[in-house]
Amino acid sequence: MTNVAQLQQPRPEVACQKCENTVFDGLVIKQVTVIRLLPHAAQGKCKRCKTWVDLPMQYKT
């Protein structure tokens, strides 16, 4: 049986620019209270300092 993490390439880790809290560890969004989907990007609101952080994903229709 194959693990999902083995099938997907991890993306780069993302930390908040203001408080340096890790919001995305390469596979899982962490420490985010709200996710905002934009036409060509996504952002998450840092749980610690409430700053919008760009996430390495996009919404496809």
PDB file of N, CA and C in Angstrom:
ATOM      1  N   MET A   1       0.844  -1.178   0.000  1.00  0.00           N
ATOM      2  CA  MET A   1       0.000   0.000   0.000  1.00  0.00           C
ATOM      3  C   MET A   1       0.889   1.242   0.000  1.00  0.00           C
ATOM      4  N   THR A   2       0.572   2.223  -0.835  1.00  0.00           N
ATOM      5  CA  THR A   2       1.399   3.415  -0.998  1.00  0.00           C
ATOM      6  C   THR A   2       0.849   4.567  -0.166  1.00  0.00           C
ATOM      7  N   ASN A   3       1.751   5.284   0.457  1.00  0.00           N
ATOM      8  CA  ASN A   3       1.396   6.451   1.246  1.00  0.00           C
ATOM      9  C   ASN A   3       1.224   7.651   0.307  1.00  0.00           C
ATOM     10  N   VAL A   4       0.234   8.517   0.576  1.00  0.00           N
ATOM     11  CA  VAL A   4      -0.026   9.689  -0.262  1.00  0.00           C
ATOM     12  C   VAL A   4       1.188  10.621  -0.270  1.00  0.00           C
ATOM     13  N   ALA A   5       1.873  10.760   0.846  1.00  0.00           N
ATOM     14  CA  ALA A   5       3.045  11.640   0.924  1.00  0.00           C
ATOM     15  C   ALA A   5       4.157  11.166  -0.003  1.00  0.00           C
ATOM     16  N   GLN A   6       4.232   9.863  -0.270  1.00  0.00           N
ATOM     17  CA  GLN A   6       5.257   9.346  -1.160  1.00  0.00           C
ATOM     18  C   GLN A   6       4.926   9.640  -2.621  1.00  0.00           C
ATOM     19  N   LEU A   7       3.650   9.776  -2.962  1.00  0.00           N
ATOM     20  CA  LEU A   7       3.246  10.031  -4.332  1.00  0.00           C
ATOM     21  C   LEU A   7       3.443  11.483  -4.747  1.00  0.00           C
ATOM     22  N   GLN A   8       3.275  12.401  -3.841  1.00  0.00           N
ATOM     23  CA  GLN A   8       3.354  13.822  -4.153  1.00  0.00           C
ATOM     24  C   GLN A   8       4.717  14.382  -3.761  1.00  0.00           C
ATOM     25  N   GLN A   9       5.238  15.258  -4.604  1.00  0.00           N
ATOM     26  CA  GLN A   9       6.466  15.957  -4.270  1.00  0.00           C
ATOM     27  C   GLN A   9       6.133  17.060  -3.269  1.00  0.00           C
ATOM     28  N   PRO A  10       6.844  17.130  -2.159  1.00  0.00           N
ATOM     29  CA  PRO A  10       6.572  18.215  -1.207  1.00  0.00           C
ATOM     30  C   PRO A  10       6.942  19.569  -1.801  1.00  0.00           C
ATOM     31  N   ARG A  11       6.142  20.535  -1.505  1.00  0.00           N
ATOM     32  CA  ARG A  11       6.407  21.913  -1.947  1.00  0.00           C
ATOM     33  C   ARG A  11       7.296  22.580  -0.915  1.00  0.00           C
ATOM     34  N   PRO A  12       7.873  23.731  -1.250  1.00  0.00           N
ATOM     35  CA  PRO A  12       8.738  24.407  -0.280  1.00  0.00           C
ATOM     36  C   PRO A  12       7.964  24.840   0.966  1.00  0.00           C
ATOM     37  N   GLU A  13       8.640  24.794   2.093  1.00  0.00           N
ATOM     38  CA  GLU A  13       8.040  25.221   3.360  1.00  0.00           C
ATOM     39  C   GLU A  13       7.819  26.726   3.331  1.00  0.00           C
ATOM     40  N   VAL A  14       6.700  27.182   3.906  1.00  0.00           N
ATOM     41  CA  VAL A  14       6.361  28.602   3.925  1.00  0.00           C
ATOM     42  C   VAL A  14       6.197  29.048   5.372  1.00  0.00           C
ATOM     43  N   ALA A  15       6.862  30.155   5.704  1.00  0.00           N
ATOM     44  CA  ALA A  15       6.741  30.739   7.040  1.00  0.00           C
ATOM     45  C   ALA A  15       6.191  32.158   6.908  1.00  0.00           C
ATOM     46  N   CYS A  16       5.537  32.618   7.946  1.00  0.00           N
ATOM     47  CA  CYS A  16       5.011  33.978   7.985  1.00  0.00           C
ATOM     48  C   CYS A  16       6.178  34.972   7.923  1.00  0.00           C
ATOM     49  N   GLN A  17       6.022  36.017   7.124  1.00  0.00           N
ATOM     50  CA  GLN A  17       7.085  37.008   6.990  1.00  0.00           C
ATOM     51  C   GLN A  17       7.246  37.861   8.247  1.00  0.00           C
ATOM     52  N   LYS A  18       6.172  38.008   8.998  1.00  0.00           N
ATOM     53  CA  LYS A  18       6.200  38.882  10.173  1.00  0.00           C
ATOM     54  C   LYS A  18       6.697  38.169  11.431  1.00  0.00           C
ATOM     55  N   CYS A  19       6.117  37.006  11.762  1.00  0.00           N
ATOM     56  CA  CYS A  19       6.468  36.331  13.017  1.00  0.00           C
ATOM     57  C   CYS A  19       7.267  35.039  12.809  1.00  0.00           C
ATOM     58  N   GLU A  20       7.493  34.650  11.547  1.00  0.00           N
ATOM     59  CA  GLU A  20       8.256  33.466  11.172  1.00  0.00           C
ATOM     60  C   GLU A  20       7.651  32.154  11.675  1.00  0.00           C
ATOM     61  N   ASN A  21       6.356  32.140  11.904  1.00  0.00           N
ATOM     62  CA  ASN A  21       5.614  30.946  12.268  1.00  0.00           C
ATOM     63  C   ASN A  21       5.426  30.100  11.010  1.00  0.00           C
ATOM     64  N   THR A  22       5.670  28.790  11.050  1.00  0.00           N
ATOM     65  CA  THR A  22       5.497  27.924   9.889  1.00  0.00           C
ATOM     66  C   THR A  22       4.008  27.732   9.618  1.00  0.00           C
ATOM     67  N   VAL A  23       3.562  28.163   8.423  1.00  0.00           N
ATOM     68  CA  VAL A  23       2.148  28.028   8.069  1.00  0.00           C
ATOM     69  C   VAL A  23       1.914  26.899   7.075  1.00  0.00           C
ATOM     70  N   PHE A  24       2.956  26.456   6.370  1.00  0.00           N
ATOM     71  CA  PHE A  24       2.852  25.350   5.424  1.00  0.00           C
ATOM     72  C   PHE A  24       4.159  24.575   5.485  1.00  0.00           C
ATOM     73  N   ASP A  25       4.074  23.257   5.774  1.00  0.00           N
ATOM     74  CA  ASP A  25       5.300  22.473   5.970  1.00  0.00           C
ATOM     75  C   ASP A  25       5.736  21.683   4.739  1.00  0.00           C
ATOM     76  N   GLY A  26       5.129  21.956   3.595  1.00  0.00           N
ATOM     77  CA  GLY A  26       5.471  21.241   2.376  1.00  0.00           C
ATOM     78  C   GLY A  26       4.374  20.303   1.932  1.00  0.00           C
ATOM     79  N   LEU A  27       3.595  19.790   2.875  1.00  0.00           N
ATOM     80  CA  LEU A  27       2.470  18.907   2.564  1.00  0.00           C
ATOM     81  C   LEU A  27       1.158  19.355   3.200  1.00  0.00           C
ATOM     82  N   VAL A  28       1.231  19.974   4.378  1.00  0.00           N
ATOM     83  CA  VAL A  28       0.032  20.298   5.150  1.00  0.00           C
ATOM     84  C   VAL A  28       0.027  21.779   5.521  1.00  0.00           C
ATOM     85  N   ILE A  29      -1.151  22.414   5.394  1.00  0.00           N
ATOM     86  CA  ILE A  29      -1.314  23.792   5.857  1.00  0.00           C
ATOM     87  C   ILE A  29      -1.509  23.742   7.360  1.00  0.00           C
ATOM     88  N   LYS A  30      -0.656  24.466   8.097  1.00  0.00           N
ATOM     89  CA  LYS A  30      -0.728  24.481   9.562  1.00  0.00           C
ATOM     90  C   LYS A  30      -0.811  25.923  10.054  1.00  0.00           C
ATOM     91  N   GLN A  31      -1.309  26.110  11.228  1.00  0.00           N
ATOM     92  CA  GLN A  31      -1.325  27.416  11.878  1.00  0.00           C
ATOM     93  C   GLN A  31      -1.970  28.492  11.009  1.00  0.00           C
ATOM     94  N   VAL A  32      -3.045  28.139  10.304  1.00  0.00           N
ATOM     95  CA  VAL A  32      -3.778  29.080   9.465  1.00  0.00           C
ATOM     96  C   VAL A  32      -5.231  29.068   9.905  1.00  0.00           C
ATOM     97  N   THR A  33      -5.799  30.256  10.127  1.00  0.00           N
ATOM     98  CA  THR A  33      -7.195  30.327  10.551  1.00  0.00           C
ATOM     99  C   THR A  33      -8.146  30.458   9.372  1.00  0.00           C
ATOM    100  N   VAL A  34      -7.720  31.148   8.296  1.00  0.00           N
ATOM    101  CA  VAL A  34      -8.567  31.395   7.137  1.00  0.00           C
ATOM    102  C   VAL A  34      -7.730  31.191   5.881  1.00  0.00           C
ATOM    103  N   ILE A  35      -8.329  30.574   4.856  1.00  0.00           N
ATOM    104  CA  ILE A  35      -7.667  30.441   3.561  1.00  0.00           C
ATOM    105  C   ILE A  35      -8.457  31.257   2.548  1.00  0.00           C
ATOM    106  N   ARG A  36      -7.735  32.098   1.800  1.00  0.00           N
ATOM    107  CA  ARG A  36      -8.358  32.947   0.787  1.00  0.00           C
ATOM    108  C   ARG A  36      -7.889  32.465  -0.580  1.00  0.00           C
ATOM    109  N   LEU A  37      -8.841  32.074  -1.437  1.00  0.00           N
ATOM    110  CA  LEU A  37      -8.526  31.613  -2.778  1.00  0.00           C
ATOM    111  C   LEU A  37      -8.708  32.759  -3.760  1.00  0.00           C
ATOM    112  N   LEU A  38      -7.643  33.093  -4.465  1.00  0.00           N
ATOM    113  CA  LEU A  38      -7.647  34.146  -5.464  1.00  0.00           C
ATOM    114  C   LEU A  38      -7.584  33.496  -6.844  1.00  0.00           C
ATOM    115  N   PRO A  39      -7.821  34.235  -7.930  1.00  0.00           N
ATOM    116  CA  PRO A  39      -7.821  33.616  -9.262  1.00  0.00           C
ATOM    117  C   PRO A  39      -6.539  32.855  -9.604  1.00  0.00           C
ATOM    118  N   HIS A  40      -5.388  33.339  -9.201  1.00  0.00           N
ATOM    119  CA  HIS A  40      -4.136  32.671  -9.565  1.00  0.00           C
ATOM    120  C   HIS A  40      -3.244  32.390  -8.370  1.00  0.00           C
ATOM    121  N   ALA A  41      -3.791  32.404  -7.171  1.00  0.00           N
ATOM    122  CA  ALA A  41      -2.984  32.168  -5.974  1.00  0.00           C
ATOM    123  C   ALA A  41      -3.891  31.829  -4.794  1.00  0.00           C
ATOM    124  N   ALA A  42      -3.253  31.524  -3.680  1.00  0.00           N
ATOM    125  CA  ALA A  42      -3.978  31.290  -2.432  1.00  0.00           C
ATOM    126  C   ALA A  42      -3.191  31.937  -1.306  1.00  0.00           C
ATOM    127  N   GLN A  43      -3.899  32.394  -0.299  1.00  0.00           N
ATOM    128  CA  GLN A  43      -3.268  33.000   0.863  1.00  0.00           C
ATOM    129  C   GLN A  43      -3.907  32.428   2.115  1.00  0.00           C
ATOM    130  N   GLY A  44      -3.104  32.355   3.173  1.00  0.00           N
ATOM    131  CA  GLY A  44      -3.599  31.911   4.458  1.00  0.00           C
ATOM    132  C   GLY A  44      -3.311  32.968   5.510  1.00  0.00           C
ATOM    133  N   LYS A  45      -4.208  33.122   6.456  1.00  0.00           N
ATOM    134  CA  LYS A  45      -4.025  34.105   7.522  1.00  0.00           C
ATOM    135  C   LYS A  45      -3.319  33.423   8.684  1.00  0.00           C
ATOM    136  N   CYS A  46      -2.137  33.922   9.053  1.00  0.00           N
ATOM    137  CA  CYS A  46      -1.340  33.356  10.132  1.00  0.00           C
ATOM    138  C   CYS A  46      -2.144  33.378  11.433  1.00  0.00           C
ATOM    139  N   LYS A  47      -2.148  32.253  12.125  1.00  0.00           N
ATOM    140  CA  LYS A  47      -2.916  32.123  13.362  1.00  0.00           C
ATOM    141  C   LYS A  47      -2.332  32.992  14.479  1.00  0.00           C
ATOM    142  N   ARG A  48      -1.036  33.206  14.434  1.00  0.00           N
ATOM    143  CA  ARG A  48      -0.365  33.934  15.501  1.00  0.00           C
ATOM    144  C   ARG A  48      -0.497  35.452  15.364  1.00  0.00           C
ATOM    145  N   CYS A  49      -0.181  36.010  14.159  1.00  0.00           N
ATOM    146  CA  CYS A  49      -0.126  37.471  14.026  1.00  0.00           C
ATOM    147  C   CYS A  49      -1.154  38.043  13.051  1.00  0.00           C
ATOM    148  N   LYS A  50      -1.980  37.194  12.436  1.00  0.00           N
ATOM    149  CA  LYS A  50      -3.070  37.604  11.536  1.00  0.00           C
ATOM    150  C   LYS A  50      -2.587  38.277  10.245  1.00  0.00           C
ATOM    151  N   THR A  51      -1.395  37.944   9.782  1.00  0.00           N
ATOM    152  CA  THR A  51      -0.863  38.460   8.523  1.00  0.00           C
ATOM    153  C   THR A  51      -1.209  37.493   7.401  1.00  0.00           C
ATOM    154  N   TRP A  52      -1.557  38.014   6.211  1.00  0.00           N
ATOM    155  CA  TRP A  52      -1.823  37.159   5.060  1.00  0.00           C
ATOM    156  C   TRP A  52      -0.500  36.657   4.494  1.00  0.00           C
ATOM    157  N   VAL A  53      -0.414  35.345   4.262  1.00  0.00           N
ATOM    158  CA  VAL A  53       0.805  34.700   3.768  1.00  0.00           C
ATOM    159  C   VAL A  53       0.473  33.981   2.466  1.00  0.00           C
ATOM    160  N   ASP A  54       1.297  34.167   1.428  1.00  0.00           N
ATOM    161  CA  ASP A  54       1.095  33.487   0.154  1.00  0.00           C
ATOM    162  C   ASP A  54       1.406  32.002   0.310  1.00  0.00           C
ATOM    163  N   LEU A  55       0.514  31.153  -0.221  1.00  0.00           N
ATOM    164  CA  LEU A  55       0.678  29.720  -0.161  1.00  0.00           C
ATOM    165  C   LEU A  55       0.961  29.167  -1.559  1.00  0.00           C
ATOM    166  N   PRO A  56       1.780  28.123  -1.683  1.00  0.00           N
ATOM    167  CA  PRO A  56       2.145  27.596  -3.004  1.00  0.00           C
ATOM    168  C   PRO A  56       1.087  26.666  -3.590  1.00  0.00           C
ATOM    169  N   MET A  57      -0.091  27.210  -3.881  1.00  0.00           N
ATOM    170  CA  MET A  57      -1.162  26.434  -4.479  1.00  0.00           C
ATOM    171  C   MET A  57      -2.085  27.390  -5.185  1.00  0.00           C
ATOM    172  N   GLN A  58      -2.951  26.855  -6.040  1.00  0.00           N
ATOM    173  CA  GLN A  58      -3.928  27.686  -6.711  1.00  0.00           C
ATOM    174  C   GLN A  58      -5.216  26.903  -6.905  1.00  0.00           C
ATOM    175  N   TYR A  59      -6.289  27.623  -7.090  1.00  0.00           N
ATOM    176  CA  TYR A  59      -7.611  27.050  -7.255  1.00  0.00           C
ATOM    177  C   TYR A  59      -7.853  26.809  -8.738  1.00  0.00           C
ATOM    178  N   LYS A  60      -8.230  25.584  -9.083  1.00  0.00           N
ATOM    179  CA  LYS A  60      -8.533  25.267 -10.480  1.00  0.00           C
ATOM    180  C   LYS A  60     -10.011  24.923 -10.588  1.00  0.00           C
ATOM    181  N   THR A  61     -10.641  25.441 -11.632  1.00  0.00           N
ATOM    182  CA  THR A  61     -12.060  25.165 -11.832  1.00  0.00           C
ATOM    183  C   THR A  61     -12.264  24.097 -12.885  1.00  0.00           C
TER     184      THR A  61
END
